[in-house]
């Protein structure tokens, strides 16, 4: 995988909220997705790339369902963007595109839950509006393995670069540091 310019790259973590992380997912557990997503975010922060933490809230005045808080490992850190979405994707009426473009970002590394819902919707729009998209396949998971594998093998390979978390982390490192 080609190197990623950290000054033009954002790591976007989708829906790492307790109620979603605790769902039965495959082929990776929610805990595994969180661990790999955190590794991506830490690599981004260490190299100066933008970290983006996206969480979903149901629209309307009703209280959010139990478990809607981010898992502690995914809580945004200083300098990260925190995006609250009200639909499947992270771009619709959230200001994410404007915030990324203001930072000079043109490449997104997208991870989180669930592969064929929030991750895929965010990635489809990102590609459509001109971002280069990178998919660390082991830093996301579906509600079942088939849905995950279909998205990774059929959809994501047409939208961008599919890689492992380790490959994405290595691509974020400055030249000469491996």
N, C-alpha and C. Protein backbone atom coordinates (compact mmCIF):
# COMPACT_ATOMS: atom_id res chain seq x y z
N UNK A 1 0.84 -1.18 0.00
CA UNK A 1 0.00 0.00 0.00
C UNK A 1 0.88 1.24 0.00
N UNK A 2 0.47 2.24 -0.76
CA UNK A 2 1.22 3.50 -0.83
C UNK A 2 1.17 4.23 0.50
N UNK A 3 2.19 5.05 0.73
CA UNK A 3 2.22 5.88 1.94
C UNK A 3 1.06 6.86 1.92
N UNK A 4 0.57 7.18 3.11
CA UNK A 4 -0.49 8.18 3.27
C UNK A 4 0.13 9.45 3.85
N UNK A 5 -0.14 10.57 3.24
CA UNK A 5 0.33 11.85 3.75
C UNK A 5 -0.52 12.21 4.96
N UNK A 6 0.07 12.18 6.16
CA UNK A 6 -0.75 12.42 7.35
C UNK A 6 -1.42 13.79 7.38
N UNK A 7 -0.84 14.75 6.69
CA UNK A 7 -1.44 16.09 6.69
C UNK A 7 -2.65 16.19 5.77
N UNK A 8 -2.86 15.15 4.96
CA UNK A 8 -3.99 15.13 4.04
C UNK A 8 -4.92 13.96 4.32
N UNK A 9 -4.70 13.29 5.47
CA UNK A 9 -5.43 12.07 5.79
C UNK A 9 -6.21 12.23 7.09
N UNK A 10 -7.39 11.64 7.13
CA UNK A 10 -8.18 11.55 8.36
C UNK A 10 -8.55 10.10 8.58
N UNK A 11 -8.47 9.68 9.84
CA UNK A 11 -8.97 8.37 10.25
C UNK A 11 -10.36 8.62 10.83
N UNK A 12 -11.37 7.98 10.22
CA UNK A 12 -12.76 8.20 10.58
C UNK A 12 -13.30 6.95 11.26
N UNK A 13 -13.65 7.08 12.52
CA UNK A 13 -14.17 5.95 13.30
C UNK A 13 -15.68 6.09 13.41
N UNK A 14 -16.38 5.05 12.99
CA UNK A 14 -17.84 5.09 12.89
C UNK A 14 -18.50 4.29 14.01
N UNK A 15 -19.36 4.95 14.78
CA UNK A 15 -20.34 4.33 15.68
C UNK A 15 -19.75 3.36 16.71
N UNK A 16 -18.67 3.75 17.35
CA UNK A 16 -18.09 2.91 18.40
C UNK A 16 -18.76 3.22 19.73
N UNK A 17 -20.04 2.98 19.74
CA UNK A 17 -20.89 3.23 20.90
C UNK A 17 -21.21 1.90 21.57
N UNK A 18 -21.38 1.92 22.87
CA UNK A 18 -21.56 0.69 23.64
C UNK A 18 -22.63 -0.22 23.05
N UNK A 19 -23.79 0.31 22.74
CA UNK A 19 -24.89 -0.53 22.25
C UNK A 19 -24.59 -1.15 20.89
N UNK A 20 -23.71 -0.54 20.12
CA UNK A 20 -23.34 -1.08 18.81
C UNK A 20 -22.15 -2.02 18.94
N UNK A 21 -21.17 -1.64 19.74
CA UNK A 21 -20.00 -2.50 19.97
C UNK A 21 -20.42 -3.83 20.58
N UNK A 22 -21.45 -3.81 21.41
CA UNK A 22 -21.90 -5.04 22.08
C UNK A 22 -22.77 -5.95 21.23
N UNK A 23 -23.13 -5.51 20.03
CA UNK A 23 -23.92 -6.37 19.14
C UNK A 23 -23.09 -7.59 18.72
N UNK A 24 -23.75 -8.70 18.43
CA UNK A 24 -22.99 -9.83 17.86
C UNK A 24 -22.59 -9.48 16.43
N UNK A 25 -21.30 -9.42 16.16
CA UNK A 25 -20.79 -9.06 14.85
C UNK A 25 -19.85 -10.15 14.34
N UNK A 26 -19.65 -10.16 13.04
CA UNK A 26 -18.75 -11.13 12.43
C UNK A 26 -18.18 -10.50 11.16
N UNK A 27 -16.99 -10.82 10.77
CA UNK A 27 -16.14 -11.85 11.33
C UNK A 27 -15.32 -11.40 12.54
N UNK A 28 -15.42 -10.15 12.92
CA UNK A 28 -14.64 -9.63 14.06
C UNK A 28 -15.59 -9.20 15.16
N UNK A 29 -15.17 -9.36 16.40
CA UNK A 29 -15.98 -8.91 17.52
C UNK A 29 -15.92 -7.39 17.61
N UNK A 30 -16.89 -6.82 18.30
CA UNK A 30 -16.86 -5.39 18.53
C UNK A 30 -15.60 -4.96 19.26
N UNK A 31 -15.18 -5.76 20.24
CA UNK A 31 -13.96 -5.43 21.00
C UNK A 31 -12.73 -5.42 20.08
N UNK A 32 -12.66 -6.37 19.14
CA UNK A 32 -11.53 -6.39 18.20
C UNK A 32 -11.56 -5.16 17.29
N UNK A 33 -12.75 -4.78 16.84
CA UNK A 33 -12.88 -3.60 15.99
C UNK A 33 -12.45 -2.35 16.77
N UNK A 34 -12.86 -2.24 18.01
CA UNK A 34 -12.46 -1.09 18.83
C UNK A 34 -10.94 -1.05 18.96
N UNK A 35 -10.33 -2.17 19.29
CA UNK A 35 -8.87 -2.20 19.47
C UNK A 35 -8.14 -1.76 18.20
N UNK A 36 -8.58 -2.27 17.06
CA UNK A 36 -7.91 -1.91 15.80
C UNK A 36 -8.22 -0.46 15.41
N UNK A 37 -9.43 -0.02 15.67
CA UNK A 37 -9.79 1.37 15.38
C UNK A 37 -8.95 2.33 16.22
N UNK A 38 -8.76 1.99 17.48
CA UNK A 38 -7.94 2.82 18.37
C UNK A 38 -6.49 2.85 17.87
N UNK A 39 -5.98 1.71 17.39
CA UNK A 39 -4.62 1.68 16.84
C UNK A 39 -4.51 2.63 15.64
N UNK A 40 -5.53 2.64 14.80
CA UNK A 40 -5.54 3.57 13.66
C UNK A 40 -5.58 5.02 14.12
N UNK A 41 -6.45 5.31 15.07
CA UNK A 41 -6.57 6.68 15.58
C UNK A 41 -5.29 7.13 16.26
N UNK A 42 -4.67 6.25 17.03
CA UNK A 42 -3.40 6.59 17.69
C UNK A 42 -2.31 6.88 16.66
N UNK A 43 -2.26 6.06 15.60
CA UNK A 43 -1.28 6.30 14.54
C UNK A 43 -1.54 7.64 13.86
N UNK A 44 -2.80 7.95 13.63
CA UNK A 44 -3.16 9.23 13.02
C UNK A 44 -2.69 10.38 13.90
N UNK A 45 -3.03 10.32 15.16
CA UNK A 45 -2.66 11.41 16.07
C UNK A 45 -1.15 11.56 16.18
N UNK A 46 -0.42 10.45 16.19
CA UNK A 46 1.04 10.50 16.34
C UNK A 46 1.72 11.11 15.13
N UNK A 47 1.09 11.06 13.97
CA UNK A 47 1.71 11.57 12.75
C UNK A 47 1.14 12.91 12.30
N UNK A 48 0.13 13.41 13.01
CA UNK A 48 -0.46 14.68 12.63
C UNK A 48 -1.67 14.55 11.73
N UNK A 49 -2.12 13.32 11.47
CA UNK A 49 -3.34 13.14 10.68
C UNK A 49 -4.54 13.52 11.55
N UNK A 50 -5.64 13.77 10.92
CA UNK A 50 -6.86 14.15 11.62
C UNK A 50 -7.60 12.92 12.12
N UNK A 51 -8.01 12.96 13.37
CA UNK A 51 -8.87 11.93 13.92
C UNK A 51 -10.31 12.41 13.90
N UNK A 52 -11.22 11.53 13.48
CA UNK A 52 -12.64 11.86 13.44
C UNK A 52 -13.40 10.75 14.15
N UNK A 53 -14.19 11.13 15.13
CA UNK A 53 -15.02 10.17 15.85
C UNK A 53 -16.47 10.51 15.54
N UNK A 54 -17.17 9.52 14.97
CA UNK A 54 -18.56 9.71 14.56
C UNK A 54 -19.45 8.86 15.45
N UNK A 55 -20.52 9.48 15.92
CA UNK A 55 -21.51 8.71 16.68
C UNK A 55 -22.89 9.06 16.17
N UNK A 56 -23.80 8.11 16.32
CA UNK A 56 -25.15 8.30 15.82
C UNK A 56 -26.08 8.64 16.97
N UNK A 57 -26.97 9.56 16.71
CA UNK A 57 -28.07 9.87 17.64
C UNK A 57 -29.36 9.78 16.86
N UNK A 58 -30.35 9.21 17.46
CA UNK A 58 -31.67 9.19 16.84
C UNK A 58 -32.24 10.60 16.87
N UNK A 59 -32.86 11.02 15.77
CA UNK A 59 -33.42 12.38 15.76
C UNK A 59 -34.64 12.48 16.67
N UNK A 60 -34.96 13.68 17.04
CA UNK A 60 -36.16 13.92 17.84
C UNK A 60 -35.85 14.16 19.30
N UNK A 61 -36.90 14.48 20.04
CA UNK A 61 -36.71 14.87 21.44
C UNK A 61 -36.57 13.69 22.42
N UNK A 62 -36.87 12.48 21.97
CA UNK A 62 -36.81 11.34 22.88
C UNK A 62 -35.38 11.08 23.32
N UNK A 63 -35.20 10.57 24.54
CA UNK A 63 -33.85 10.25 25.00
C UNK A 63 -33.21 9.18 24.11
N UNK A 64 -31.90 9.22 24.04
CA UNK A 64 -31.17 8.22 23.28
C UNK A 64 -31.26 6.87 23.99
N UNK A 65 -31.20 5.78 23.24
CA UNK A 65 -31.27 4.45 23.86
C UNK A 65 -30.09 4.22 24.80
N UNK A 66 -30.30 3.35 25.76
CA UNK A 66 -29.21 2.98 26.67
C UNK A 66 -28.03 2.48 25.85
N UNK A 67 -26.84 2.84 26.27
CA UNK A 67 -25.63 2.40 25.58
C UNK A 67 -25.23 3.27 24.41
N UNK A 68 -25.81 4.45 24.31
CA UNK A 68 -25.49 5.33 23.18
C UNK A 68 -24.16 6.07 23.35
N UNK A 69 -23.56 5.98 24.52
CA UNK A 69 -22.28 6.65 24.73
C UNK A 69 -21.16 5.91 24.00
N UNK A 70 -20.13 6.68 23.61
CA UNK A 70 -18.95 6.06 23.01
C UNK A 70 -18.27 5.17 24.03
N UNK A 71 -17.66 4.07 23.55
CA UNK A 71 -16.85 3.28 24.47
C UNK A 71 -15.67 4.15 24.90
N UNK A 72 -15.17 3.98 26.11
CA UNK A 72 -14.13 4.88 26.61
C UNK A 72 -12.91 5.02 25.69
N UNK A 73 -12.52 3.94 25.04
CA UNK A 73 -11.35 3.98 24.18
C UNK A 73 -11.55 4.88 22.97
N UNK A 74 -12.80 5.13 22.58
CA UNK A 74 -13.09 5.89 21.37
C UNK A 74 -13.45 7.34 21.63
N UNK A 75 -13.45 7.77 22.86
CA UNK A 75 -13.80 9.16 23.17
C UNK A 75 -12.80 10.09 22.47
N UNK A 76 -13.29 11.11 21.77
CA UNK A 76 -12.39 12.02 21.06
C UNK A 76 -11.36 12.64 21.99
N UNK A 77 -10.19 12.85 21.43
CA UNK A 77 -9.10 13.52 22.15
C UNK A 77 -8.94 14.94 21.60
N UNK A 78 -8.21 15.77 22.32
CA UNK A 78 -8.00 17.14 21.82
C UNK A 78 -7.47 17.11 20.38
N UNK A 79 -8.06 17.93 19.54
CA UNK A 79 -7.68 18.00 18.14
C UNK A 79 -8.53 17.14 17.22
N UNK A 80 -9.24 16.15 17.79
CA UNK A 80 -10.11 15.30 16.98
C UNK A 80 -11.39 16.06 16.62
N UNK A 81 -12.00 15.66 15.53
CA UNK A 81 -13.33 16.13 15.18
C UNK A 81 -14.34 15.14 15.75
N UNK A 82 -15.39 15.64 16.37
CA UNK A 82 -16.48 14.78 16.81
C UNK A 82 -17.70 15.13 15.98
N UNK A 83 -18.25 14.12 15.33
CA UNK A 83 -19.38 14.30 14.44
C UNK A 83 -20.57 13.52 14.99
N UNK A 84 -21.71 14.18 15.07
CA UNK A 84 -22.95 13.51 15.45
C UNK A 84 -23.81 13.42 14.21
N UNK A 85 -24.18 12.20 13.85
CA UNK A 85 -25.00 11.99 12.66
C UNK A 85 -26.38 11.50 13.09
N UNK A 86 -27.34 11.71 12.21
CA UNK A 86 -28.72 11.29 12.47
C UNK A 86 -29.22 10.34 11.39
N UNK A 87 -28.31 9.87 10.57
CA UNK A 87 -28.63 8.92 9.51
C UNK A 87 -27.47 7.93 9.42
N UNK A 88 -27.50 7.05 8.46
CA UNK A 88 -26.45 6.04 8.36
C UNK A 88 -25.08 6.62 8.12
N UNK A 89 -24.98 7.63 7.27
CA UNK A 89 -23.68 8.15 6.87
C UNK A 89 -23.25 9.36 7.67
N UNK A 90 -21.94 9.58 7.70
CA UNK A 90 -21.35 10.65 8.49
C UNK A 90 -21.34 12.00 7.79
N UNK A 91 -21.75 12.07 6.53
CA UNK A 91 -21.67 13.34 5.80
C UNK A 91 -22.99 14.12 5.78
N UNK A 92 -24.11 13.45 5.81
CA UNK A 92 -25.40 14.12 5.63
C UNK A 92 -25.70 15.10 6.77
N UNK A 93 -25.68 16.39 6.44
CA UNK A 93 -26.03 17.48 7.37
C UNK A 93 -25.24 17.46 8.68
N UNK A 94 -23.94 17.13 8.57
CA UNK A 94 -23.09 17.09 9.78
C UNK A 94 -21.96 18.11 9.75
N UNK A 95 -21.65 18.67 8.60
CA UNK A 95 -20.51 19.58 8.48
C UNK A 95 -19.18 18.87 8.33
N UNK A 96 -19.18 17.55 8.23
CA UNK A 96 -17.92 16.80 8.14
C UNK A 96 -17.12 17.18 6.90
N UNK A 97 -17.76 17.26 5.76
CA UNK A 97 -17.03 17.59 4.53
C UNK A 97 -16.34 18.95 4.65
N UNK A 98 -17.05 19.96 5.12
CA UNK A 98 -16.45 21.29 5.27
C UNK A 98 -15.28 21.26 6.24
N UNK A 99 -15.43 20.54 7.36
CA UNK A 99 -14.36 20.48 8.37
C UNK A 99 -13.13 19.78 7.81
N UNK A 100 -13.32 18.72 7.05
CA UNK A 100 -12.17 18.00 6.47
C UNK A 100 -11.49 18.85 5.40
N UNK A 101 -12.27 19.47 4.55
CA UNK A 101 -11.67 20.29 3.48
C UNK A 101 -10.93 21.50 4.07
N UNK A 102 -11.44 22.06 5.16
CA UNK A 102 -10.75 23.18 5.81
C UNK A 102 -9.39 22.76 6.35
N UNK A 103 -9.24 21.48 6.66
CA UNK A 103 -7.95 20.95 7.14
C UNK A 103 -7.09 20.41 6.01
N UNK A 104 -7.55 20.49 4.79
CA UNK A 104 -6.77 20.01 3.64
C UNK A 104 -6.80 18.51 3.45
N UNK A 105 -7.77 17.84 4.05
CA UNK A 105 -7.86 16.38 3.97
C UNK A 105 -8.45 15.96 2.63
N UNK A 106 -7.79 14.97 1.99
CA UNK A 106 -8.33 14.40 0.76
C UNK A 106 -8.37 12.87 0.79
N UNK A 107 -7.93 12.28 1.90
CA UNK A 107 -7.90 10.82 2.05
C UNK A 107 -8.52 10.44 3.37
N UNK A 108 -9.41 9.43 3.33
CA UNK A 108 -10.05 8.94 4.54
C UNK A 108 -9.74 7.47 4.75
N UNK A 109 -9.36 7.14 5.98
CA UNK A 109 -9.23 5.76 6.41
C UNK A 109 -10.47 5.51 7.26
N UNK A 110 -11.37 4.66 6.79
CA UNK A 110 -12.67 4.49 7.42
C UNK A 110 -12.74 3.15 8.15
N UNK A 111 -13.13 3.19 9.43
CA UNK A 111 -13.21 1.99 10.26
C UNK A 111 -14.41 2.12 11.19
N UNK A 112 -14.77 1.01 11.83
CA UNK A 112 -15.83 1.06 12.84
C UNK A 112 -16.93 0.06 12.56
N UNK A 113 -18.11 0.39 13.04
CA UNK A 113 -19.25 -0.52 12.99
C UNK A 113 -20.46 0.21 12.41
N UNK A 114 -21.20 -0.41 11.67
CA UNK A 114 -21.22 -1.74 11.12
C UNK A 114 -20.81 -1.64 9.66
N UNK A 115 -20.04 -2.62 9.15
CA UNK A 115 -19.45 -2.55 7.82
C UNK A 115 -20.44 -2.11 6.76
N UNK A 116 -21.55 -2.82 6.65
CA UNK A 116 -22.46 -2.56 5.54
C UNK A 116 -23.59 -1.59 5.89
N UNK A 117 -23.43 -0.85 6.97
CA UNK A 117 -24.37 0.22 7.30
C UNK A 117 -23.60 1.54 7.35
N UNK A 118 -23.21 2.00 8.53
CA UNK A 118 -22.57 3.30 8.67
C UNK A 118 -21.24 3.42 7.96
N UNK A 119 -20.42 2.36 8.00
CA UNK A 119 -19.12 2.41 7.35
C UNK A 119 -19.30 2.54 5.83
N UNK A 120 -20.12 1.66 5.27
CA UNK A 120 -20.31 1.67 3.82
C UNK A 120 -20.97 2.97 3.34
N UNK A 121 -21.99 3.44 4.03
CA UNK A 121 -22.67 4.67 3.61
C UNK A 121 -21.71 5.85 3.64
N UNK A 122 -20.93 5.95 4.68
CA UNK A 122 -19.95 7.04 4.78
C UNK A 122 -18.93 6.95 3.66
N UNK A 123 -18.45 5.75 3.39
CA UNK A 123 -17.44 5.56 2.35
C UNK A 123 -17.99 5.84 0.95
N UNK A 124 -19.21 5.41 0.68
CA UNK A 124 -19.80 5.65 -0.64
C UNK A 124 -19.89 7.15 -0.91
N UNK A 125 -20.36 7.91 0.06
CA UNK A 125 -20.47 9.36 -0.13
C UNK A 125 -19.09 9.98 -0.22
N UNK A 126 -18.16 9.55 0.61
CA UNK A 126 -16.80 10.09 0.57
C UNK A 126 -16.20 9.94 -0.82
N UNK A 127 -16.31 8.76 -1.40
CA UNK A 127 -15.77 8.53 -2.73
C UNK A 127 -16.51 9.39 -3.76
N UNK A 128 -17.80 9.47 -3.61
CA UNK A 128 -18.63 10.23 -4.56
C UNK A 128 -18.27 11.71 -4.58
N UNK A 129 -17.88 12.26 -3.43
CA UNK A 129 -17.56 13.69 -3.38
C UNK A 129 -16.05 13.96 -3.48
N UNK A 130 -15.29 12.91 -3.84
CA UNK A 130 -13.91 13.15 -4.23
C UNK A 130 -12.81 12.74 -3.28
N UNK A 131 -13.13 12.07 -2.19
CA UNK A 131 -12.08 11.61 -1.29
C UNK A 131 -11.50 10.29 -1.77
N UNK A 132 -10.22 10.11 -1.53
CA UNK A 132 -9.58 8.80 -1.65
C UNK A 132 -9.97 8.04 -0.37
N UNK A 133 -10.37 6.78 -0.49
CA UNK A 133 -10.86 6.05 0.67
C UNK A 133 -10.04 4.77 0.86
N UNK A 134 -9.64 4.54 2.11
CA UNK A 134 -8.87 3.36 2.51
C UNK A 134 -9.70 2.58 3.50
N UNK A 135 -9.75 1.26 3.31
CA UNK A 135 -10.59 0.38 4.12
C UNK A 135 -9.76 -0.68 4.84
N UNK A 136 -9.40 -0.48 6.09
CA UNK A 136 -8.76 -1.55 6.85
C UNK A 136 -9.83 -2.59 7.23
N UNK A 137 -9.90 -3.66 6.47
CA UNK A 137 -11.01 -4.63 6.56
C UNK A 137 -11.15 -5.28 7.92
N UNK A 138 -10.06 -5.34 8.70
CA UNK A 138 -10.12 -5.98 10.01
C UNK A 138 -10.43 -4.98 11.12
N UNK A 139 -10.67 -3.72 10.77
CA UNK A 139 -11.06 -2.69 11.75
C UNK A 139 -12.51 -2.31 11.55
N UNK A 140 -13.29 -3.27 11.04
CA UNK A 140 -14.74 -3.10 10.86
C UNK A 140 -15.34 -4.49 10.90
N UNK A 141 -16.63 -4.56 11.11
CA UNK A 141 -17.30 -5.86 11.14
C UNK A 141 -18.77 -5.66 10.83
N UNK A 142 -19.39 -6.73 10.31
CA UNK A 142 -20.80 -6.68 9.97
C UNK A 142 -21.66 -7.38 11.01
N UNK A 143 -22.95 -7.31 10.80
CA UNK A 143 -23.86 -8.05 11.68
C UNK A 143 -23.78 -9.54 11.38
N UNK A 144 -23.23 -9.87 10.21
CA UNK A 144 -22.87 -11.26 9.92
C UNK A 144 -21.67 -11.23 8.96
N UNK A 145 -20.96 -12.34 8.89
CA UNK A 145 -19.73 -12.39 8.10
C UNK A 145 -20.00 -12.17 6.61
N UNK A 146 -21.09 -12.72 6.10
CA UNK A 146 -21.38 -12.58 4.68
C UNK A 146 -21.53 -11.10 4.29
N UNK A 147 -22.29 -10.36 5.07
CA UNK A 147 -22.51 -8.94 4.77
C UNK A 147 -21.18 -8.18 4.78
N UNK A 148 -20.35 -8.46 5.76
CA UNK A 148 -19.03 -7.82 5.85
C UNK A 148 -18.19 -8.16 4.62
N UNK A 149 -18.10 -9.45 4.32
CA UNK A 149 -17.25 -9.88 3.21
C UNK A 149 -17.75 -9.35 1.88
N UNK A 150 -19.06 -9.30 1.68
CA UNK A 150 -19.60 -8.74 0.45
C UNK A 150 -19.19 -7.28 0.30
N UNK A 151 -19.37 -6.51 1.36
CA UNK A 151 -19.00 -5.08 1.30
C UNK A 151 -17.51 -4.92 1.02
N UNK A 152 -16.68 -5.68 1.72
CA UNK A 152 -15.23 -5.56 1.54
C UNK A 152 -14.81 -6.01 0.14
N UNK A 153 -15.25 -7.20 -0.25
CA UNK A 153 -14.77 -7.79 -1.49
C UNK A 153 -15.41 -7.21 -2.75
N UNK A 154 -16.66 -6.82 -2.65
CA UNK A 154 -17.37 -6.37 -3.85
C UNK A 154 -17.48 -4.85 -3.94
N UNK A 155 -17.85 -4.21 -2.86
CA UNK A 155 -18.09 -2.76 -2.90
C UNK A 155 -16.80 -1.97 -2.65
N UNK A 156 -16.13 -2.24 -1.55
CA UNK A 156 -14.99 -1.41 -1.15
C UNK A 156 -13.85 -1.45 -2.15
N UNK A 157 -13.61 -2.58 -2.78
CA UNK A 157 -12.52 -2.68 -3.77
C UNK A 157 -12.80 -1.80 -4.98
N UNK A 158 -14.05 -1.43 -5.19
CA UNK A 158 -14.40 -0.54 -6.29
C UNK A 158 -14.37 0.94 -5.87
N UNK A 159 -14.39 1.17 -4.57
CA UNK A 159 -14.41 2.55 -4.06
C UNK A 159 -13.03 3.05 -3.63
N UNK A 160 -12.12 2.13 -3.32
CA UNK A 160 -10.83 2.57 -2.80
C UNK A 160 -9.88 1.41 -2.58
N UNK A 161 -9.05 1.55 -1.56
CA UNK A 161 -8.01 0.57 -1.25
C UNK A 161 -8.40 -0.24 -0.03
N UNK A 162 -8.43 -1.56 -0.16
CA UNK A 162 -8.68 -2.46 0.96
C UNK A 162 -7.33 -2.95 1.47
N UNK A 163 -7.15 -2.90 2.78
CA UNK A 163 -5.89 -3.30 3.40
C UNK A 163 -6.19 -3.80 4.80
N UNK A 164 -5.14 -4.13 5.53
CA UNK A 164 -5.28 -4.49 6.94
C UNK A 164 -5.01 -3.26 7.80
N UNK A 165 -5.36 -3.37 9.06
CA UNK A 165 -5.03 -2.29 10.00
C UNK A 165 -3.53 -2.05 10.04
N UNK A 166 -2.76 -3.13 10.12
CA UNK A 166 -1.30 -2.99 10.17
C UNK A 166 -0.76 -2.26 8.94
N UNK A 167 -1.31 -2.57 7.77
CA UNK A 167 -0.87 -1.89 6.55
C UNK A 167 -1.23 -0.40 6.57
N UNK A 168 -2.42 -0.07 7.06
CA UNK A 168 -2.82 1.34 7.14
C UNK A 168 -1.96 2.10 8.15
N UNK A 169 -1.68 1.49 9.29
CA UNK A 169 -0.82 2.13 10.29
C UNK A 169 0.57 2.36 9.71
N UNK A 170 1.11 1.35 9.02
CA UNK A 170 2.44 1.50 8.41
C UNK A 170 2.44 2.60 7.35
N UNK A 171 1.36 2.72 6.58
CA UNK A 171 1.27 3.73 5.54
C UNK A 171 1.22 5.15 6.11
N UNK A 172 0.78 5.28 7.36
CA UNK A 172 0.73 6.60 8.01
C UNK A 172 2.07 7.04 8.57
N UNK A 173 2.99 6.11 8.74
CA UNK A 173 4.29 6.47 9.33
C UNK A 173 5.11 7.31 8.36
N UNK A 174 5.90 8.24 8.90
CA UNK A 174 6.75 9.04 8.03
C UNK A 174 7.73 8.15 7.25
N UNK A 175 8.11 8.61 6.07
CA UNK A 175 9.05 7.86 5.24
C UNK A 175 10.29 7.49 6.05
N UNK A 176 10.75 6.28 5.87
CA UNK A 176 11.94 5.81 6.55
C UNK A 176 11.70 5.24 7.93
N UNK A 177 10.48 5.39 8.45
CA UNK A 177 10.15 4.84 9.77
C UNK A 177 9.16 3.69 9.54
N UNK A 178 9.55 2.49 9.85
CA UNK A 178 8.67 1.33 9.67
C UNK A 178 8.72 0.45 10.85
